[in-house]
N, C-alpha and C. Protein backbone atom coordinates (compact mmCIF):
# COMPACT_ATOMS: atom_id res chain seq x y z
N MET A 1 8.38 -20.16 -31.85
CA MET A 1 9.03 -19.49 -32.06
C MET A 1 10.21 -19.25 -31.47
N ALA A 2 11.59 -19.82 -31.93
CA ALA A 2 12.82 -19.33 -30.98
C ALA A 2 12.76 -18.14 -30.76
N GLY A 3 13.13 -18.20 -29.22
CA GLY A 3 13.69 -16.97 -28.57
C GLY A 3 12.19 -15.90 -27.81
N LYS A 4 10.90 -16.09 -28.50
CA LYS A 4 9.91 -15.76 -27.72
C LYS A 4 9.84 -16.61 -26.23
N LYS A 5 9.63 -15.25 -25.42
CA LYS A 5 9.54 -15.66 -23.53
C LYS A 5 7.93 -16.48 -23.94
N GLN A 6 7.85 -17.58 -23.26
CA GLN A 6 6.61 -18.45 -23.11
C GLN A 6 5.89 -18.43 -22.11
N PHE A 7 6.60 -17.31 -21.21
CA PHE A 7 4.87 -17.14 -20.45
C PHE A 7 4.69 -15.37 -20.05
N ASP A 8 3.90 -14.88 -19.44
CA ASP A 8 3.47 -13.23 -19.52
C ASP A 8 4.18 -12.73 -18.28
N VAL A 9 4.58 -11.74 -18.78
CA VAL A 9 5.59 -10.74 -17.50
C VAL A 9 4.68 -10.30 -16.60
N ASP A 10 3.35 -9.63 -16.38
CA ASP A 10 2.41 -9.13 -15.95
C ASP A 10 2.00 -10.03 -15.23
N ASP A 11 1.28 -11.45 -15.88
CA ASP A 11 1.27 -12.51 -14.48
C ASP A 11 2.12 -13.04 -13.11
N ALA A 12 3.65 -12.98 -14.13
CA ALA A 12 5.10 -13.19 -12.75
C ALA A 12 4.73 -12.33 -12.47
N LEU A 13 4.96 -10.50 -12.51
CA LEU A 13 4.71 -9.78 -11.64
C LEU A 13 4.22 -9.91 -10.49
N GLU A 14 2.76 -9.96 -11.04
CA GLU A 14 1.90 -10.43 -10.11
C GLU A 14 2.06 -11.41 -8.76
N ALA A 15 2.52 -12.32 -10.02
CA ALA A 15 2.74 -13.82 -8.41
C ALA A 15 3.65 -13.58 -7.95
N ALA A 16 5.10 -12.79 -8.40
CA ALA A 16 5.90 -12.64 -7.16
C ALA A 16 5.15 -11.26 -6.00
N MET A 17 4.84 -10.33 -6.53
CA MET A 17 3.88 -9.34 -5.72
C MET A 17 3.50 -10.10 -4.61
N VAL A 18 2.52 -11.10 -5.12
CA VAL A 18 1.64 -11.88 -4.12
C VAL A 18 2.26 -12.25 -3.03
N GLN A 19 3.35 -13.24 -3.40
CA GLN A 19 4.40 -13.80 -2.89
C GLN A 19 5.25 -12.86 -2.07
N PHE A 20 5.16 -11.84 -2.17
CA PHE A 20 6.24 -11.05 -1.50
C PHE A 20 5.70 -10.43 -0.10
N TRP A 21 4.41 -10.20 -0.32
CA TRP A 21 3.32 -9.80 0.24
C TRP A 21 2.43 -10.75 1.10
N ARG A 22 2.94 -11.97 0.93
CA ARG A 22 2.49 -13.05 1.70
C ARG A 22 3.33 -13.35 2.70
N ALA A 23 4.84 -13.69 2.21
CA ALA A 23 5.82 -14.14 3.23
C ALA A 23 6.91 -12.84 3.61
N GLY A 24 6.70 -11.48 2.70
CA GLY A 24 8.12 -10.40 3.00
C GLY A 24 9.19 -10.73 2.28
N TYR A 25 9.91 -9.98 2.13
CA TYR A 25 10.95 -9.63 1.65
C TYR A 25 12.01 -10.84 1.94
N ALA A 26 12.20 -11.03 3.28
CA ALA A 26 13.64 -12.01 3.87
C ALA A 26 12.55 -12.84 3.83
N GLY A 27 11.43 -13.25 3.99
CA GLY A 27 10.69 -14.77 3.76
C GLY A 27 10.16 -15.46 2.43
N THR A 28 10.87 -14.51 1.92
CA THR A 28 10.72 -15.27 0.47
C THR A 28 12.35 -15.71 -0.35
N SER A 29 11.96 -16.73 -0.98
CA SER A 29 13.49 -17.40 -1.52
C SER A 29 13.04 -17.33 -2.58
N LEU A 30 14.54 -17.10 -3.63
CA LEU A 30 14.40 -17.48 -4.92
C LEU A 30 13.75 -18.78 -5.09
N ASP A 31 13.33 -19.88 -4.86
CA ASP A 31 12.56 -21.24 -4.75
C ASP A 31 11.55 -20.66 -4.58
N ASP A 32 10.74 -19.90 -3.58
CA ASP A 32 9.15 -19.39 -3.56
C ASP A 32 9.06 -18.75 -4.63
N LEU A 33 9.80 -18.09 -5.16
CA LEU A 33 9.22 -16.80 -5.99
C LEU A 33 9.20 -17.95 -7.39
N SER A 34 10.00 -18.71 -7.80
CA SER A 34 10.17 -19.92 -8.53
C SER A 34 8.67 -20.31 -8.81
N ARG A 35 8.97 -20.78 -7.34
CA ARG A 35 7.25 -21.82 -7.30
C ARG A 35 6.24 -20.83 -7.80
N ALA A 36 5.95 -19.59 -7.20
CA ALA A 36 4.64 -18.81 -6.97
C ALA A 36 4.78 -18.44 -8.81
N THR A 37 6.06 -17.96 -9.89
CA THR A 37 5.81 -17.57 -11.00
C THR A 37 5.95 -18.85 -12.04
N GLY A 38 6.38 -19.95 -11.52
CA GLY A 38 6.27 -20.86 -12.74
C GLY A 38 7.70 -20.93 -13.25
N LEU A 39 8.32 -19.61 -12.85
CA LEU A 39 9.62 -19.70 -13.64
C LEU A 39 10.91 -20.31 -12.87
N ASN A 40 11.87 -20.78 -13.77
CA ASN A 40 13.27 -20.91 -13.02
C ASN A 40 13.80 -20.05 -13.00
N ARG A 41 15.07 -20.35 -11.89
CA ARG A 41 15.64 -19.28 -11.00
C ARG A 41 16.40 -17.98 -12.76
N SER A 42 16.95 -19.23 -13.61
CA SER A 42 17.33 -18.30 -14.77
C SER A 42 16.53 -17.48 -15.47
N SER A 43 15.42 -17.61 -15.44
CA SER A 43 14.08 -17.01 -16.48
C SER A 43 14.15 -15.91 -15.49
N ILE A 44 13.93 -15.90 -13.91
CA ILE A 44 13.72 -15.06 -13.19
C ILE A 44 14.31 -14.13 -13.20
N TYR A 45 16.00 -14.63 -13.08
CA TYR A 45 17.09 -12.65 -13.14
C TYR A 45 16.87 -12.76 -14.82
N SER A 46 17.16 -13.24 -15.41
CA SER A 46 16.79 -12.35 -16.99
C SER A 46 15.97 -12.11 -17.27
N SER A 47 14.39 -11.90 -16.95
CA SER A 47 13.23 -11.69 -17.77
C SER A 47 12.83 -10.25 -16.27
N LEU A 48 13.27 -10.72 -15.23
CA LEU A 48 12.47 -9.63 -14.17
C LEU A 48 13.51 -9.19 -13.21
N GLY A 49 14.68 -9.78 -13.17
CA GLY A 49 15.87 -9.14 -12.58
C GLY A 49 15.99 -10.13 -11.08
N ASP A 50 17.25 -9.39 -10.51
CA ASP A 50 17.83 -10.07 -9.57
C ASP A 50 16.83 -9.78 -7.95
N LYS A 51 16.61 -10.55 -7.05
CA LYS A 51 15.68 -10.10 -6.09
C LYS A 51 14.98 -9.03 -5.67
N ASP A 52 16.57 -8.20 -5.27
CA ASP A 52 15.71 -6.62 -5.07
C ASP A 52 15.11 -6.04 -6.49
N ALA A 53 15.80 -6.19 -7.53
CA ALA A 53 15.05 -5.36 -8.56
C ALA A 53 13.75 -5.94 -8.66
N LEU A 54 13.19 -7.36 -8.60
CA LEU A 54 12.41 -7.65 -8.87
C LEU A 54 11.29 -6.83 -7.52
N TYR A 55 12.06 -6.99 -6.42
CA TYR A 55 10.99 -6.47 -5.13
C TYR A 55 10.38 -5.14 -5.19
N LEU A 56 11.92 -4.09 -5.92
CA LEU A 56 11.38 -2.95 -6.23
C LEU A 56 10.28 -2.49 -7.29
N ARG A 57 10.26 -3.99 -8.17
CA ARG A 57 9.22 -3.75 -9.32
C ARG A 57 7.90 -3.86 -8.67
N CYS A 58 7.71 -4.96 -7.42
CA CYS A 58 6.55 -5.20 -6.99
C CYS A 58 5.92 -4.31 -6.54
N LEU A 59 6.78 -3.76 -5.28
CA LEU A 59 6.08 -2.43 -4.62
C LEU A 59 5.75 -1.43 -5.37
N ASP A 60 6.45 -1.40 -6.75
CA ASP A 60 5.89 0.22 -7.53
C ASP A 60 4.64 -0.53 -8.46
N ARG A 61 4.27 -1.71 -8.60
CA ARG A 61 3.15 -2.13 -8.56
C ARG A 61 2.00 -2.06 -8.16
N TYR A 62 2.47 -2.28 -6.89
CA TYR A 62 1.45 -2.13 -6.15
C TYR A 62 1.33 -1.18 -5.37
N THR A 63 2.40 0.28 -5.45
CA THR A 63 2.47 1.67 -5.09
C THR A 63 1.14 2.65 -6.58
N THR A 64 0.93 1.47 -7.61
CA THR A 64 0.88 2.37 -8.52
C THR A 64 -1.03 1.85 -8.64
N ARG A 65 -1.18 0.36 -8.20
CA ARG A 65 -2.69 -0.08 -8.11
C ARG A 65 -2.95 0.51 -7.02
N TYR A 66 -2.98 0.59 -5.78
CA TYR A 66 -3.85 1.22 -4.90
C TYR A 66 -3.67 2.21 -4.52
N GLY A 67 -2.52 3.22 -5.09
CA GLY A 67 -2.27 5.00 -4.96
C GLY A 67 -3.22 5.10 -6.44
N ASP A 68 -3.46 4.58 -7.43
CA ASP A 68 -4.34 5.18 -8.12
C ASP A 68 -6.16 5.51 -7.51
N ARG A 69 -6.08 3.76 -6.65
CA ARG A 69 -7.97 3.42 -6.08
C ARG A 69 -8.12 4.80 -5.20
N TYR A 70 -6.66 4.85 -4.42
CA TYR A 70 -6.81 6.55 -3.24
C TYR A 70 -6.86 7.46 -3.86
N GLU A 71 -6.28 7.88 -5.25
CA GLU A 71 -6.83 8.60 -5.73
C GLU A 71 -7.56 9.35 -6.14
N GLN A 72 -8.81 7.93 -6.48
CA GLN A 72 -10.11 8.24 -6.90
C GLN A 72 -10.79 9.04 -5.64
N ALA A 73 -10.58 8.01 -4.81
CA ALA A 73 -11.51 7.80 -3.33
C ALA A 73 -11.10 9.58 -3.34
N LEU A 74 -10.85 9.96 -2.87
CA LEU A 74 -9.55 11.58 -2.63
C LEU A 74 -10.20 12.76 -3.04
N SER A 75 -10.57 11.84 -4.41
CA SER A 75 -11.11 13.46 -5.60
C SER A 75 -12.06 14.05 -5.56
N GLY A 76 -12.89 13.56 -4.23
CA GLY A 76 -13.99 14.63 -3.95
C GLY A 76 -14.09 15.21 -2.84
N ALA A 77 -12.80 15.48 -2.36
CA ALA A 77 -12.44 15.70 -0.70
C ALA A 77 -12.95 17.71 -0.62
N SER A 78 -12.71 17.95 -2.18
CA SER A 78 -13.03 19.66 -1.74
C SER A 78 -14.61 19.90 -1.26
N GLU A 79 -15.82 18.59 -1.97
CA GLU A 79 -17.00 18.86 -1.92
C GLU A 79 -17.50 18.00 -0.74
N ASP A 80 -16.70 16.78 -0.32
CA ASP A 80 -17.07 16.15 0.77
C ASP A 80 -15.95 15.96 0.99
N PRO A 81 -15.19 16.69 2.37
CA PRO A 81 -13.71 16.06 2.97
C PRO A 81 -13.95 14.61 3.38
N LEU A 82 -15.19 14.57 4.56
CA LEU A 82 -15.10 12.92 4.78
C LEU A 82 -15.70 11.93 4.54
N ARG A 83 -16.42 12.02 3.15
CA ARG A 83 -17.11 11.21 2.73
C ARG A 83 -15.80 10.79 2.07
N ALA A 84 -15.12 11.67 1.61
CA ALA A 84 -13.56 11.03 0.42
C ALA A 84 -12.82 10.49 1.23
N VAL A 85 -12.52 10.94 2.66
CA VAL A 85 -11.71 9.61 3.46
C VAL A 85 -12.10 8.96 3.85
N ARG A 86 -13.34 8.93 4.24
CA ARG A 86 -14.21 7.54 4.46
C ARG A 86 -13.57 6.49 3.47
N ALA A 87 -13.75 6.73 2.26
CA ALA A 87 -13.66 6.28 0.47
C ALA A 87 -11.97 5.88 0.67
N PHE A 88 -11.39 6.95 0.95
CA PHE A 88 -9.71 6.59 1.18
C PHE A 88 -9.53 5.66 1.90
N PHE A 89 -10.57 5.34 3.21
CA PHE A 89 -9.88 4.13 4.04
C PHE A 89 -11.06 3.03 3.66
N ASP A 90 -11.83 3.00 2.88
CA ASP A 90 -12.42 1.87 2.23
C ASP A 90 -12.19 1.11 1.09
N VAL A 91 -10.62 2.05 0.37
CA VAL A 91 -9.58 1.30 -0.10
C VAL A 91 -8.99 0.24 0.75
N THR A 92 -8.42 0.71 1.49
CA THR A 92 -7.92 -0.29 2.01
C THR A 92 -8.26 -1.76 2.81
N LEU A 93 -9.94 -1.18 3.58
CA LEU A 93 -10.80 -2.53 3.96
C LEU A 93 -11.31 -3.38 3.34
N LYS A 94 -11.54 -2.84 1.57
CA LYS A 94 -11.60 -3.37 0.53
C LYS A 94 -10.80 -4.63 0.93
N ARG A 95 -8.95 -4.08 0.12
CA ARG A 95 -8.32 -5.11 0.34
C ARG A 95 -7.88 -5.87 0.94
N ILE A 96 -8.00 -5.39 2.21
CA ILE A 96 -8.16 -6.35 3.62
C ILE A 96 -8.99 -7.30 3.59
N ALA A 97 -10.61 -7.00 3.31
CA ALA A 97 -11.39 -8.19 2.97
C ALA A 97 -11.32 -9.22 1.99
N ASP A 98 -10.68 -8.80 0.78
CA ASP A 98 -10.60 -9.73 -0.13
C ASP A 98 -9.73 -11.10 0.09
N PRO A 99 -10.26 -12.48 -0.13
CA PRO A 99 -10.06 -12.96 0.59
C PRO A 99 -8.95 -13.79 -0.35
N GLY A 100 -8.81 -12.96 -1.78
CA GLY A 100 -7.62 -13.34 -2.81
C GLY A 100 -6.80 -12.76 -2.43
N LEU A 101 -6.46 -12.45 -1.57
CA LEU A 101 -4.91 -11.30 -1.07
C LEU A 101 -4.52 -11.62 -0.28
N PRO A 102 -3.04 -11.66 0.27
CA PRO A 102 -2.81 -11.68 1.66
C PRO A 102 -3.33 -10.82 2.35
N ASP A 103 -3.24 -10.93 3.98
CA ASP A 103 -3.46 -10.07 5.21
C ASP A 103 -2.65 -8.49 5.08
N GLY A 104 -2.61 -7.59 5.51
CA GLY A 104 -1.99 -6.51 5.68
C GLY A 104 -1.66 -5.63 4.25
N CYS A 105 -0.51 -5.07 4.33
CA CYS A 105 -0.07 -3.84 3.23
C CYS A 105 1.63 -4.34 2.86
N LEU A 106 1.91 -4.26 1.69
CA LEU A 106 3.35 -4.67 0.96
C LEU A 106 3.89 -3.52 1.46
N ILE A 107 3.25 -2.28 1.47
CA ILE A 107 4.02 -0.96 2.00
C ILE A 107 4.43 -1.11 3.73
N ALA A 108 3.45 -1.10 3.93
CA ALA A 108 3.81 -1.08 6.02
C ALA A 108 4.66 -2.18 6.19
N GLN A 109 4.37 -3.51 5.64
CA GLN A 109 5.25 -4.60 5.91
C GLN A 109 6.63 -3.95 5.56
N THR A 110 6.86 -3.50 4.34
CA THR A 110 8.28 -3.55 4.06
C THR A 110 8.97 -2.20 4.80
N ALA A 111 8.37 -1.43 5.06
CA ALA A 111 8.81 -0.25 6.56
C ALA A 111 8.70 -0.75 7.58
N MET A 112 8.35 -1.76 7.99
CA MET A 112 8.92 -2.38 9.34
C MET A 112 9.93 -2.75 9.48
N VAL A 113 10.21 -3.18 8.33
CA VAL A 113 11.52 -3.91 8.67
C VAL A 113 12.70 -3.22 7.45
N ILE A 114 12.74 -1.52 7.21
CA ILE A 114 13.49 -1.11 6.56
C ILE A 114 15.02 -1.27 6.84
N PRO A 115 15.63 -1.21 8.80
CA PRO A 115 16.79 -1.49 8.94
C PRO A 115 17.50 -2.91 8.25
N THR A 116 16.37 -3.78 7.55
CA THR A 116 17.39 -4.91 7.46
C THR A 116 17.07 -4.43 5.80
N LEU A 117 16.69 -4.09 4.81
CA LEU A 117 16.99 -4.03 3.42
C LEU A 117 17.74 -3.14 3.24
N SER A 118 17.80 -3.49 1.68
CA SER A 118 19.30 -2.61 1.02
C SER A 118 18.16 -0.97 0.87
N PRO A 119 19.78 -0.32 0.79
CA PRO A 119 19.22 1.30 0.99
C PRO A 119 17.88 1.40 -0.31
N GLY A 120 18.14 0.87 -1.66
CA GLY A 120 17.04 0.59 -2.17
C GLY A 120 15.97 0.81 -2.29
N ILE A 121 15.52 -0.43 -1.76
CA ILE A 121 14.08 -0.92 -1.50
C ILE A 121 13.58 -0.01 -0.36
N ALA A 122 14.68 0.19 0.86
CA ALA A 122 14.27 1.25 2.15
C ALA A 122 13.72 2.56 1.37
N ALA A 123 14.41 3.57 0.66
CA ALA A 123 14.21 4.44 0.12
C ALA A 123 12.72 4.18 -0.59
N ARG A 124 12.38 3.33 -1.37
CA ARG A 124 11.53 3.14 -1.83
C ARG A 124 9.90 3.26 -1.07
N ALA A 125 10.14 2.61 -0.22
CA ALA A 125 9.04 2.22 1.17
C ALA A 125 9.00 3.88 1.69
N VAL A 126 9.96 4.47 2.03
CA VAL A 126 9.63 5.54 2.18
C VAL A 126 9.05 6.79 1.46
N GLU A 127 9.71 6.50 -0.12
CA GLU A 127 9.09 7.13 -0.74
C GLU A 127 7.72 6.54 -1.23
N ALA A 128 7.18 5.70 -0.74
CA ALA A 128 5.49 5.49 -1.09
C ALA A 128 4.58 6.00 -0.37
N LEU A 129 5.22 5.86 1.13
CA LEU A 129 4.78 6.13 2.14
C LEU A 129 4.83 8.22 2.33
N GLY A 130 5.78 8.21 1.77
CA GLY A 130 5.71 10.01 1.07
C GLY A 130 4.16 10.65 0.31
N LEU A 131 4.28 9.69 -0.19
CA LEU A 131 3.42 9.88 -1.57
C LEU A 131 1.79 9.91 -0.93
N GLN A 132 1.80 9.26 -0.07
CA GLN A 132 0.43 8.87 0.57
C GLN A 132 0.27 10.04 1.76
N ARG A 133 1.01 10.41 2.36
CA ARG A 133 0.83 11.61 3.11
C ARG A 133 0.14 12.72 1.63
N ALA A 134 1.04 12.86 0.83
CA ALA A 134 1.09 13.96 -0.34
C ALA A 134 0.25 14.14 -0.56
N ARG A 135 -0.35 12.77 -0.94
CA ARG A 135 -1.73 13.12 -1.52
C ARG A 135 -3.34 13.20 -0.99
N LEU A 136 -3.09 12.44 0.55
CA LEU A 136 -3.82 13.15 1.36
C LEU A 136 -3.78 14.68 1.95
N ARG A 137 -2.56 14.89 1.82
CA ARG A 137 -2.29 16.80 2.49
C ARG A 137 -3.06 17.08 0.90
N THR A 138 -2.96 16.77 -0.28
CA THR A 138 -3.70 18.07 -1.19
C THR A 138 -5.53 17.94 -1.06
N ALA A 139 -5.48 16.58 -0.46
CA ALA A 139 -7.23 16.39 -0.85
C ALA A 139 -7.62 17.06 0.51
N LEU A 140 -7.03 17.44 1.82
CA LEU A 140 -7.44 18.08 2.80
C LEU A 140 -7.21 19.31 2.97
N THR A 141 -6.06 19.88 1.81
CA THR A 141 -5.99 21.34 1.58
C THR A 141 -7.17 21.83 1.20
N ALA A 142 -7.53 20.92 -0.20
CA ALA A 142 -8.46 21.08 -1.43
C ALA A 142 -9.85 21.50 -0.78
N SER A 143 -10.11 20.55 1.21
CA SER A 143 -11.52 20.69 1.56
C SER A 143 -11.14 21.89 2.72
N LYS A 144 -10.25 22.40 2.37
CA LYS A 144 -10.31 24.09 2.92
C LYS A 144 -10.30 23.56 4.35
N LEU A 145 -9.24 22.82 4.73
CA LEU A 145 -8.54 22.29 6.13
C LEU A 145 -7.18 23.53 5.88
N THR A 146 -6.96 24.28 7.13
CA THR A 146 -5.78 25.38 7.15
C THR A 146 -4.16 24.18 6.96
N GLY A 147 -3.49 24.50 6.12
CA GLY A 147 -2.29 24.47 6.19
C GLY A 147 -1.67 23.17 7.16
N GLY A 148 -1.44 23.84 8.37
CA GLY A 148 -0.91 23.20 9.21
C GLY A 148 -1.75 21.89 9.71
N ASP A 149 -3.32 22.02 9.41
CA ASP A 149 -4.09 21.22 10.03
C ASP A 149 -3.85 20.22 8.74
N ALA A 150 -3.61 20.14 7.75
CA ALA A 150 -3.84 19.76 6.96
C ALA A 150 -2.77 18.55 6.78
N GLU A 151 -1.32 18.85 7.10
CA GLU A 151 -0.59 18.13 7.06
C GLU A 151 -0.57 16.91 8.42
N ASP A 152 -0.97 17.97 9.36
CA ASP A 152 -1.18 17.06 10.57
C ASP A 152 -1.92 16.02 10.58
N PHE A 153 -3.07 16.48 9.67
CA PHE A 153 -4.17 15.15 9.49
C PHE A 153 -3.67 14.11 8.26
N ALA A 154 -2.87 14.73 7.14
CA ALA A 154 -2.18 13.88 6.34
C ALA A 154 -1.39 12.50 6.84
N VAL A 155 -0.49 13.21 8.12
CA VAL A 155 -0.10 12.18 8.70
C VAL A 155 -0.76 11.22 9.76
N HIS A 156 -1.71 11.84 10.34
CA HIS A 156 -2.20 10.69 11.11
C HIS A 156 -3.05 10.11 10.67
N ILE A 157 -3.94 10.41 9.10
CA ILE A 157 -4.43 9.08 8.28
C ILE A 157 -3.92 8.73 7.73
N ALA A 158 -2.75 8.95 7.31
CA ALA A 158 -1.74 7.86 6.44
C ALA A 158 -1.09 6.65 7.23
N ALA A 159 -0.67 7.15 8.51
CA ALA A 159 -0.39 6.10 9.63
C ALA A 159 -1.80 5.37 10.10
N VAL A 160 -2.88 5.69 10.59
CA VAL A 160 -4.20 5.15 10.77
C VAL A 160 -4.11 3.81 9.56
N ASN A 161 -4.02 4.38 8.55
CA ASN A 161 -4.22 3.62 6.96
C ASN A 161 -3.13 2.54 7.23
N GLN A 162 -1.83 3.11 7.72
CA GLN A 162 -0.78 1.84 7.63
C GLN A 162 -0.96 0.72 9.06
N SER A 163 -1.93 1.62 10.09
CA SER A 163 -2.35 0.54 11.30
C SER A 163 -3.35 -0.19 10.95
N LEU A 164 -4.03 0.00 10.24
CA LEU A 164 -5.03 -0.82 9.85
C LEU A 164 -4.77 -2.23 8.91
N ALA A 165 -3.97 -2.06 7.79
CA ALA A 165 -2.70 -3.28 7.63
C ALA A 165 -3.10 -3.97 8.46
N VAL A 166 -1.54 -3.56 9.38
CA VAL A 166 -1.00 -4.39 10.70
C VAL A 166 -2.22 -4.80 11.34
N MET A 167 -3.10 -4.04 11.82
CA MET A 167 -4.04 -4.30 12.77
C MET A 167 -5.00 -5.90 12.10
N SER A 168 -5.36 -5.77 11.33
CA SER A 168 -5.80 -7.14 10.24
C SER A 168 -5.07 -7.58 9.77
N ARG A 169 -3.54 -7.88 10.28
CA ARG A 169 -2.61 -8.70 9.80
C ARG A 169 -2.67 -9.66 11.34
N ALA A 170 -2.68 -8.88 12.11
CA ALA A 170 -3.31 -9.68 13.81
C ALA A 170 -4.05 -10.45 13.97
N GLY A 171 -4.96 -9.88 13.21
CA GLY A 171 -6.46 -10.86 13.58
C GLY A 171 -7.56 -9.70 14.05
N ALA A 172 -7.43 -8.06 14.20
CA ALA A 172 -8.39 -7.41 14.13
C ALA A 172 -9.63 -7.52 13.73
N SER A 173 -10.85 -7.61 14.29
CA SER A 173 -12.35 -7.92 13.83
C SER A 173 -12.20 -6.58 12.71
N ASP A 174 -13.13 -6.57 11.53
CA ASP A 174 -14.00 -5.63 10.78
C ASP A 174 -14.15 -4.52 12.03
N LYS A 175 -15.05 -4.74 13.02
CA LYS A 175 -15.97 -3.69 13.96
C LYS A 175 -14.76 -3.06 14.38
N GLN A 176 -13.43 -3.47 14.79
CA GLN A 176 -12.39 -2.85 15.46
C GLN A 176 -12.02 -2.22 14.66
N LEU A 177 -11.82 -2.51 13.40
CA LEU A 177 -11.05 -1.57 12.55
C LEU A 177 -12.20 -0.56 11.66
N HIS A 178 -13.70 -0.81 12.20
CA HIS A 178 -14.35 0.43 11.66
C HIS A 178 -14.06 1.40 12.65
N THR A 179 -14.24 1.20 14.00
CA THR A 179 -13.80 1.46 15.16
C THR A 179 -12.87 2.90 14.78
N ILE A 180 -11.81 2.25 14.58
CA ILE A 180 -10.64 3.20 13.98
C ILE A 180 -10.39 4.26 13.21
N ILE A 181 -11.09 3.91 12.14
CA ILE A 181 -11.63 4.94 11.82
C ILE A 181 -12.83 6.01 11.98
N ASP A 182 -13.48 5.37 12.58
CA ASP A 182 -14.55 6.43 12.76
C ASP A 182 -14.27 7.30 13.89
N ILE A 183 -12.79 7.28 14.81
CA ILE A 183 -12.42 8.00 15.74
C ILE A 183 -11.30 8.93 14.45
N SER A 184 -10.92 8.36 14.06
CA SER A 184 -9.88 9.60 13.17
C SER A 184 -11.02 10.38 11.99
N VAL A 185 -12.05 9.73 11.64
CA VAL A 185 -13.12 11.00 11.19
C VAL A 185 -13.62 11.75 11.86
N SER A 186 -13.80 11.44 12.73
CA SER A 186 -14.78 12.31 13.97
C SER A 186 -13.66 13.06 14.13
N ALA A 187 -12.29 12.78 14.89
CA ALA A 187 -11.69 14.13 14.89
C ALA A 187 -11.43 14.84 13.45
N LEU A 188 -11.24 15.03 12.53
CA LEU A 188 -11.37 15.04 11.21
C LEU A 188 -12.25 16.35 11.02
N SER A 189 -13.51 15.71 11.66
CA SER A 189 -15.13 16.48 11.50
C SER A 189 -14.62 17.94 12.53
N GLN A 190 -14.21 16.85 13.27
CA GLN A 190 -14.14 18.93 14.46
C GLN A 190 -13.30 19.43 14.43
N ALA A 191 -12.14 18.92 13.42
CA ALA A 191 -11.32 20.14 12.59
C ALA A 191 -11.64 21.04 11.74
N LEU A 192 -12.83 20.48 10.89
CA LEU A 192 -13.29 20.78 9.67
C LEU A 192 -14.49 22.12 10.18
N HIS A 193 -15.25 21.54 11.47
CA HIS A 193 -16.03 22.15 11.88
C HIS A 193 -15.74 23.28 12.86
N HIS A 194 -14.91 23.51 13.47
CA HIS A 194 -14.34 23.82 14.72
C HIS A 194 -12.65 24.87 14.37
N PRO A 195 -12.85 25.12 13.26
CA PRO A 195 -11.07 25.68 12.89
C PRO A 195 -10.59 26.17 13.77
């Protein structure tokens, strides 16, 4: 049928997201995006937008996908906060261990190059990190952690979570990643049991 798109936008966005995730914003050219999506440049522009717009769509896709998984993991924080935080970290560990996905985290690698990005992309990365902290703060507050402690641990756990992605990209072993998590969960346990 004339005029009908001959590709699946969802598949193209997924391919673009993985390409950006693997190589970063600066390391991904329009030719790379064309190869990854199977679309020519004009199709990318007309259907997915320019490189900045496409990157923003990919960040949103990534944030929603993993945000929903983190929300689910933290849903039991009021009953068992330590188990919920471990489940939160497990979302990251499963992503890291998936051989079909690039190492690291698209949000973390975006945040690390904020000074070189457009203001729109930089703001979206900061927003995604803020959502992560807010999600953790809400869960930790529900666990009866006091307000200041809930905020402090939300910042800490979000930072540890981002560092897991960076460490995995740098070749940290599974054992090292679990040790990092264990130390954070131990500190949280002490705060919960000795307010």
